[in-house]
Amino acid sequence: MQVKQLKKGDLVKVIAGKEKGKTGKILKIDAEKNHVFVEKLNMVKRHKRPDAKAKGGIIEKEAPINVSNVMFLCNKCEKGVRVGYKRLEDGGKVRVCRKCKETLDA
């Protein structure tokens, strides 16, 4: 899967690594490093020092997952699927599920 096929807010399924089989929503995409940050997955603890703005302590946050380890989750198939593209009559382009041919964009 390529980063350009995914968008913030998409549901994805993790297909490799310690979080394999889990699903979640994309919070952030790092296109330069081919990483995605998935909500409540691949959590790590970071020790933060207190400063003038915020209190210190141990903070849990999402760590990046390589884009090759996630698949788009189709609403109709309810499985991880590959993403294709389809041209519309008005000249627009939408993402489609490769299995069921269902349009993925609203």
N, C-alpha and C. Protein backbone atom coordinates (compact mmCIF):
# COMPACT_ATOMS: atom_id res chain seq x y z
N MET A 1 0.85 -1.18 0.00
CA MET A 1 0.00 0.00 0.00
C MET A 1 0.89 1.23 0.00
N GLN A 2 0.46 2.25 -0.70
CA GLN A 2 1.19 3.50 -0.76
C GLN A 2 0.51 4.53 0.13
N VAL A 3 1.32 5.45 0.63
CA VAL A 3 0.78 6.48 1.52
C VAL A 3 -0.28 7.31 0.82
N LYS A 4 -0.10 7.58 -0.47
CA LYS A 4 -1.04 8.43 -1.18
C LYS A 4 -2.43 7.81 -1.32
N GLN A 5 -2.55 6.50 -1.08
CA GLN A 5 -3.85 5.84 -1.16
C GLN A 5 -4.64 5.99 0.14
N LEU A 6 -3.96 6.34 1.22
CA LEU A 6 -4.63 6.48 2.52
C LEU A 6 -4.85 7.94 2.85
N LYS A 7 -5.88 8.19 3.66
CA LYS A 7 -6.19 9.54 4.11
C LYS A 7 -6.41 9.52 5.62
N LYS A 8 -6.27 10.68 6.22
CA LYS A 8 -6.54 10.83 7.64
C LYS A 8 -8.01 10.51 7.88
N GLY A 9 -8.30 9.67 8.88
CA GLY A 9 -9.68 9.29 9.19
C GLY A 9 -10.09 7.96 8.60
N ASP A 10 -9.29 7.38 7.71
CA ASP A 10 -9.60 6.07 7.13
C ASP A 10 -9.47 4.97 8.17
N LEU A 11 -10.30 3.94 8.05
CA LEU A 11 -10.16 2.77 8.91
C LEU A 11 -9.19 1.80 8.26
N VAL A 12 -8.23 1.31 9.05
CA VAL A 12 -7.23 0.37 8.53
C VAL A 12 -7.12 -0.84 9.44
N LYS A 13 -6.61 -1.93 8.88
CA LYS A 13 -6.36 -3.15 9.63
C LYS A 13 -4.87 -3.43 9.60
N VAL A 14 -4.28 -3.73 10.75
CA VAL A 14 -2.85 -4.03 10.83
C VAL A 14 -2.64 -5.48 10.42
N ILE A 15 -1.73 -5.72 9.47
CA ILE A 15 -1.52 -7.07 8.95
C ILE A 15 -0.19 -7.68 9.38
N ALA A 16 0.64 -6.91 10.08
CA ALA A 16 1.93 -7.45 10.53
C ALA A 16 2.37 -6.71 11.79
N GLY A 17 3.18 -7.39 12.61
CA GLY A 17 3.72 -6.78 13.81
C GLY A 17 2.96 -7.19 15.06
N LYS A 18 3.28 -6.53 16.17
CA LYS A 18 2.68 -6.92 17.46
C LYS A 18 1.20 -6.59 17.56
N GLU A 19 0.71 -5.69 16.73
CA GLU A 19 -0.70 -5.30 16.73
C GLU A 19 -1.49 -5.99 15.63
N LYS A 20 -0.96 -7.08 15.07
CA LYS A 20 -1.58 -7.77 13.94
C LYS A 20 -3.03 -8.17 14.24
N GLY A 21 -3.92 -7.88 13.27
CA GLY A 21 -5.33 -8.23 13.41
C GLY A 21 -6.21 -7.13 13.98
N LYS A 22 -5.61 -6.10 14.55
CA LYS A 22 -6.38 -5.01 15.16
C LYS A 22 -6.71 -3.95 14.11
N THR A 23 -7.77 -3.20 14.38
CA THR A 23 -8.19 -2.16 13.46
C THR A 23 -8.26 -0.82 14.18
N GLY A 24 -8.15 0.25 13.41
CA GLY A 24 -8.23 1.58 14.00
C GLY A 24 -8.29 2.65 12.94
N LYS A 25 -8.47 3.89 13.39
CA LYS A 25 -8.60 5.04 12.50
C LYS A 25 -7.26 5.76 12.41
N ILE A 26 -6.90 6.21 11.21
CA ILE A 26 -5.64 6.94 11.00
C ILE A 26 -5.75 8.33 11.61
N LEU A 27 -4.79 8.67 12.47
CA LEU A 27 -4.74 9.98 13.09
C LEU A 27 -3.84 10.93 12.31
N LYS A 28 -2.71 10.39 11.83
CA LYS A 28 -1.71 11.23 11.19
C LYS A 28 -0.95 10.39 10.17
N ILE A 29 -0.49 11.03 9.09
CA ILE A 29 0.29 10.35 8.06
C ILE A 29 1.60 11.09 7.86
N ASP A 30 2.70 10.34 7.87
CA ASP A 30 4.02 10.90 7.58
C ASP A 30 4.46 10.34 6.23
N ALA A 31 4.23 11.10 5.17
CA ALA A 31 4.48 10.63 3.80
C ALA A 31 5.98 10.47 3.52
N GLU A 32 6.81 11.29 4.13
CA GLU A 32 8.25 11.20 3.90
C GLU A 32 8.83 9.88 4.38
N LYS A 33 8.36 9.42 5.54
CA LYS A 33 8.89 8.19 6.13
C LYS A 33 8.00 6.98 5.88
N ASN A 34 6.89 7.15 5.16
CA ASN A 34 5.92 6.08 4.89
C ASN A 34 5.36 5.47 6.16
N HIS A 35 4.98 6.34 7.11
CA HIS A 35 4.43 5.91 8.38
C HIS A 35 3.01 6.44 8.56
N VAL A 36 2.20 5.67 9.29
CA VAL A 36 0.88 6.14 9.70
C VAL A 36 0.78 5.98 11.21
N PHE A 37 0.00 6.86 11.82
CA PHE A 37 -0.27 6.79 13.25
C PHE A 37 -1.73 6.37 13.39
N VAL A 38 -1.97 5.21 14.02
CA VAL A 38 -3.31 4.66 14.13
C VAL A 38 -3.79 4.81 15.57
N GLU A 39 -5.04 5.26 15.72
CA GLU A 39 -5.64 5.54 17.02
C GLU A 39 -5.61 4.31 17.92
N LYS A 40 -5.04 4.45 19.11
CA LYS A 40 -4.99 3.43 20.17
C LYS A 40 -4.22 2.16 19.77
N LEU A 41 -3.35 2.25 18.76
CA LEU A 41 -2.53 1.10 18.38
C LEU A 41 -1.05 1.48 18.43
N ASN A 42 -0.21 0.49 18.75
CA ASN A 42 1.24 0.67 18.84
C ASN A 42 1.58 1.75 19.87
N MET A 43 0.97 1.64 21.05
CA MET A 43 1.15 2.63 22.10
C MET A 43 2.52 2.48 22.76
N VAL A 44 3.19 3.62 23.03
CA VAL A 44 4.48 3.65 23.71
C VAL A 44 4.40 4.65 24.85
N LYS A 45 5.27 4.49 25.83
CA LYS A 45 5.31 5.42 26.96
C LYS A 45 6.52 6.33 26.82
N ARG A 46 6.30 7.61 27.04
CA ARG A 46 7.36 8.60 26.96
C ARG A 46 7.39 9.38 28.27
N HIS A 47 8.58 9.60 28.79
CA HIS A 47 8.74 10.36 30.02
C HIS A 47 8.92 11.83 29.66
N LYS A 48 8.02 12.67 30.18
CA LYS A 48 8.05 14.09 29.84
C LYS A 48 8.44 14.91 31.06
N ARG A 49 9.32 15.82 30.82
CA ARG A 49 9.77 16.70 31.88
C ARG A 49 8.78 17.85 32.03
N PRO A 50 8.52 18.29 33.24
CA PRO A 50 7.59 19.42 33.39
C PRO A 50 8.20 20.71 32.86
N ASP A 51 7.38 21.55 32.26
CA ASP A 51 7.82 22.87 31.82
C ASP A 51 6.78 23.90 32.24
N ALA A 52 6.94 25.12 31.79
CA ALA A 52 6.04 26.20 32.20
C ALA A 52 4.61 25.96 31.74
N LYS A 53 4.44 25.27 30.61
CA LYS A 53 3.10 25.06 30.05
C LYS A 53 2.41 23.81 30.58
N ALA A 54 3.14 22.70 30.64
CA ALA A 54 2.49 21.42 30.96
C ALA A 54 3.17 20.72 32.13
N LYS A 55 2.40 19.84 32.73
CA LYS A 55 2.90 19.02 33.82
C LYS A 55 3.72 17.86 33.25
N GLY A 56 4.67 17.40 33.99
CA GLY A 56 5.49 16.28 33.55
C GLY A 56 4.85 14.96 33.92
N GLY A 57 5.51 13.86 33.58
CA GLY A 57 5.01 12.54 33.92
C GLY A 57 5.21 11.58 32.77
N ILE A 58 4.60 10.42 32.89
CA ILE A 58 4.68 9.40 31.86
C ILE A 58 3.47 9.55 30.95
N ILE A 59 3.75 9.75 29.67
CA ILE A 59 2.69 9.98 28.69
C ILE A 59 2.65 8.80 27.73
N GLU A 60 1.42 8.30 27.46
CA GLU A 60 1.26 7.24 26.47
C GLU A 60 0.79 7.87 25.17
N LYS A 61 1.46 7.50 24.07
CA LYS A 61 1.06 8.03 22.77
C LYS A 61 1.28 6.97 21.69
N GLU A 62 0.70 7.23 20.52
CA GLU A 62 0.80 6.29 19.41
C GLU A 62 2.16 6.42 18.74
N ALA A 63 2.76 5.28 18.44
CA ALA A 63 4.01 5.25 17.68
C ALA A 63 3.67 4.95 16.22
N PRO A 64 4.57 5.32 15.30
CA PRO A 64 4.27 5.10 13.89
C PRO A 64 4.30 3.62 13.50
N ILE A 65 3.47 3.29 12.50
CA ILE A 65 3.45 1.95 11.91
C ILE A 65 3.76 2.13 10.43
N ASN A 66 4.61 1.31 9.88
CA ASN A 66 4.94 1.42 8.47
C ASN A 66 3.69 1.15 7.64
N VAL A 67 3.54 1.90 6.57
CA VAL A 67 2.34 1.81 5.74
C VAL A 67 2.20 0.43 5.09
N SER A 68 3.30 -0.29 4.92
CA SER A 68 3.24 -1.63 4.32
C SER A 68 2.62 -2.64 5.28
N ASN A 69 2.48 -2.28 6.54
CA ASN A 69 1.93 -3.19 7.54
C ASN A 69 0.45 -2.94 7.83
N VAL A 70 -0.20 -2.07 7.06
CA VAL A 70 -1.63 -1.82 7.23
C VAL A 70 -2.35 -1.98 5.90
N MET A 71 -3.64 -2.34 5.98
CA MET A 71 -4.49 -2.43 4.80
C MET A 71 -5.76 -1.64 5.05
N PHE A 72 -6.28 -1.06 3.98
CA PHE A 72 -7.54 -0.32 4.07
C PHE A 72 -8.65 -1.29 4.44
N LEU A 73 -9.56 -0.87 5.31
CA LEU A 73 -10.67 -1.71 5.75
C LEU A 73 -11.94 -1.28 5.03
N CYS A 74 -12.47 -2.16 4.17
CA CYS A 74 -13.68 -1.88 3.40
C CYS A 74 -14.90 -2.04 4.31
N ASN A 75 -15.85 -1.10 4.22
CA ASN A 75 -17.06 -1.17 5.04
C ASN A 75 -17.95 -2.34 4.62
N LYS A 76 -18.04 -2.61 3.34
CA LYS A 76 -18.92 -3.66 2.84
C LYS A 76 -18.31 -5.05 3.05
N CYS A 77 -17.04 -5.22 2.65
CA CYS A 77 -16.36 -6.53 2.79
C CYS A 77 -16.03 -6.85 4.25
N GLU A 78 -15.77 -5.80 5.04
CA GLU A 78 -15.31 -5.92 6.42
C GLU A 78 -14.00 -6.69 6.50
N LYS A 79 -13.14 -6.50 5.50
CA LYS A 79 -11.81 -7.13 5.45
C LYS A 79 -10.81 -6.09 4.97
N GLY A 80 -9.54 -6.41 5.16
CA GLY A 80 -8.50 -5.57 4.61
C GLY A 80 -8.45 -5.77 3.10
N VAL A 81 -8.48 -4.68 2.34
CA VAL A 81 -8.53 -4.77 0.88
C VAL A 81 -7.51 -3.84 0.24
N ARG A 82 -7.23 -4.11 -1.03
CA ARG A 82 -6.42 -3.21 -1.82
C ARG A 82 -7.32 -2.12 -2.38
N VAL A 83 -6.71 -0.98 -2.67
CA VAL A 83 -7.47 0.16 -3.13
C VAL A 83 -7.18 0.41 -4.61
N GLY A 84 -8.25 0.62 -5.39
CA GLY A 84 -8.11 0.98 -6.78
C GLY A 84 -8.75 2.34 -7.02
N TYR A 85 -8.68 2.81 -8.24
CA TYR A 85 -9.26 4.11 -8.57
C TYR A 85 -10.21 3.96 -9.74
N LYS A 86 -11.20 4.84 -9.79
CA LYS A 86 -12.19 4.82 -10.85
C LYS A 86 -12.48 6.26 -11.25
N ARG A 87 -12.57 6.50 -12.55
CA ARG A 87 -12.92 7.83 -13.05
C ARG A 87 -14.43 7.98 -13.12
N LEU A 88 -14.92 9.11 -12.69
CA LEU A 88 -16.35 9.39 -12.75
C LEU A 88 -16.68 10.12 -14.06
N GLU A 89 -17.98 10.20 -14.38
CA GLU A 89 -18.43 10.86 -15.60
C GLU A 89 -18.06 12.35 -15.60
N ASP A 90 -18.09 12.96 -14.40
CA ASP A 90 -17.79 14.40 -14.32
C ASP A 90 -16.29 14.69 -14.31
N GLY A 91 -15.46 13.65 -14.45
CA GLY A 91 -14.01 13.83 -14.52
C GLY A 91 -13.29 13.62 -13.19
N GLY A 92 -14.04 13.43 -12.12
CA GLY A 92 -13.44 13.20 -10.81
C GLY A 92 -12.89 11.79 -10.67
N LYS A 93 -12.12 11.59 -9.61
CA LYS A 93 -11.52 10.28 -9.37
C LYS A 93 -11.86 9.84 -7.95
N VAL A 94 -12.33 8.61 -7.78
CA VAL A 94 -12.67 8.09 -6.45
C VAL A 94 -11.94 6.78 -6.20
N ARG A 95 -11.75 6.48 -4.90
CA ARG A 95 -11.13 5.21 -4.52
C ARG A 95 -12.21 4.13 -4.49
N VAL A 96 -11.86 2.92 -4.95
CA VAL A 96 -12.79 1.79 -4.94
C VAL A 96 -12.11 0.56 -4.34
N CYS A 97 -12.94 -0.30 -3.75
CA CYS A 97 -12.47 -1.57 -3.20
C CYS A 97 -12.18 -2.51 -4.37
N ARG A 98 -11.05 -3.19 -4.35
CA ARG A 98 -10.69 -4.10 -5.43
C ARG A 98 -11.50 -5.39 -5.39
N LYS A 99 -12.04 -5.75 -4.22
CA LYS A 99 -12.81 -6.99 -4.10
C LYS A 99 -14.25 -6.82 -4.53
N CYS A 100 -14.95 -5.85 -3.92
CA CYS A 100 -16.38 -5.71 -4.15
C CYS A 100 -16.74 -4.55 -5.07
N LYS A 101 -15.74 -3.80 -5.52
CA LYS A 101 -15.95 -2.65 -6.43
C LYS A 101 -16.79 -1.53 -5.81
N GLU A 102 -16.91 -1.52 -4.48
CA GLU A 102 -17.68 -0.50 -3.77
C GLU A 102 -16.85 0.79 -3.68
N THR A 103 -17.50 1.94 -3.85
CA THR A 103 -16.82 3.22 -3.74
C THR A 103 -16.46 3.48 -2.27
N LEU A 104 -15.21 3.86 -2.02
CA LEU A 104 -14.74 4.06 -0.65
C LEU A 104 -14.87 5.51 -0.21
N ASP A 105 -14.85 6.45 -1.15
CA ASP A 105 -14.99 7.86 -0.81
C ASP A 105 -16.46 8.25 -0.77
N ALA A 106 -16.80 9.13 0.16
CA ALA A 106 -18.20 9.56 0.31
C ALA A 106 -18.64 10.46 -0.82
